[in-house]
Amino acid sequence: MTTLFGSTNFAPAAPAAKKNTFLPFLTVLFLVSYGLMTMLIVEQGRTIENQRAVMRDLLRDSEQLATLKAQILAQRNQKNTFNPNALPQYRIPALPSDHPSSQAVPQHRAFSEKMQKPTVQRPASDLTNAMRALKTI
């Protein structure tokens, strides 16, 4: 029998090959991979939180250590402060009156002023920063 579009043959075709043989395997693989990725994200979140807690503890310990160091330095500075009463008093013998020298006393004062260095009280924060300062040659 012929038709306008060509011959029509109604013979049964060969059985079609299965196209969806990998679909169940791919679905299971997809679900397993998403499950593993979800577990990875949860574990990373826990790790980040643990690291944050450790950093907070270290910061708190560092602040306590800096406070203790500042207190120790303050105690040392109190012990090492200049006390003029603790040093023996030296007196310069008077010059003979027949050789008056108007420069003798000012030279002595200038010399003694150079020898005495004033102690400077610094706040505790400056002391800890001075300890952390980089010293290069």
Foldseek 3Di string as FASTA:
>chain_A
DADPVGDDDPDDDDDDDDPCPCVVVVVVVVVVVVVVVVVVVVVVVVVVVVVVVVVVVVVVVVVVVLVVVLVVVVVVCVVPADDPVVDDDDDDDDDDPVDDDPVPVVVVVVVVVVVDDHDDDDDSVVVSVVVVDDDDD
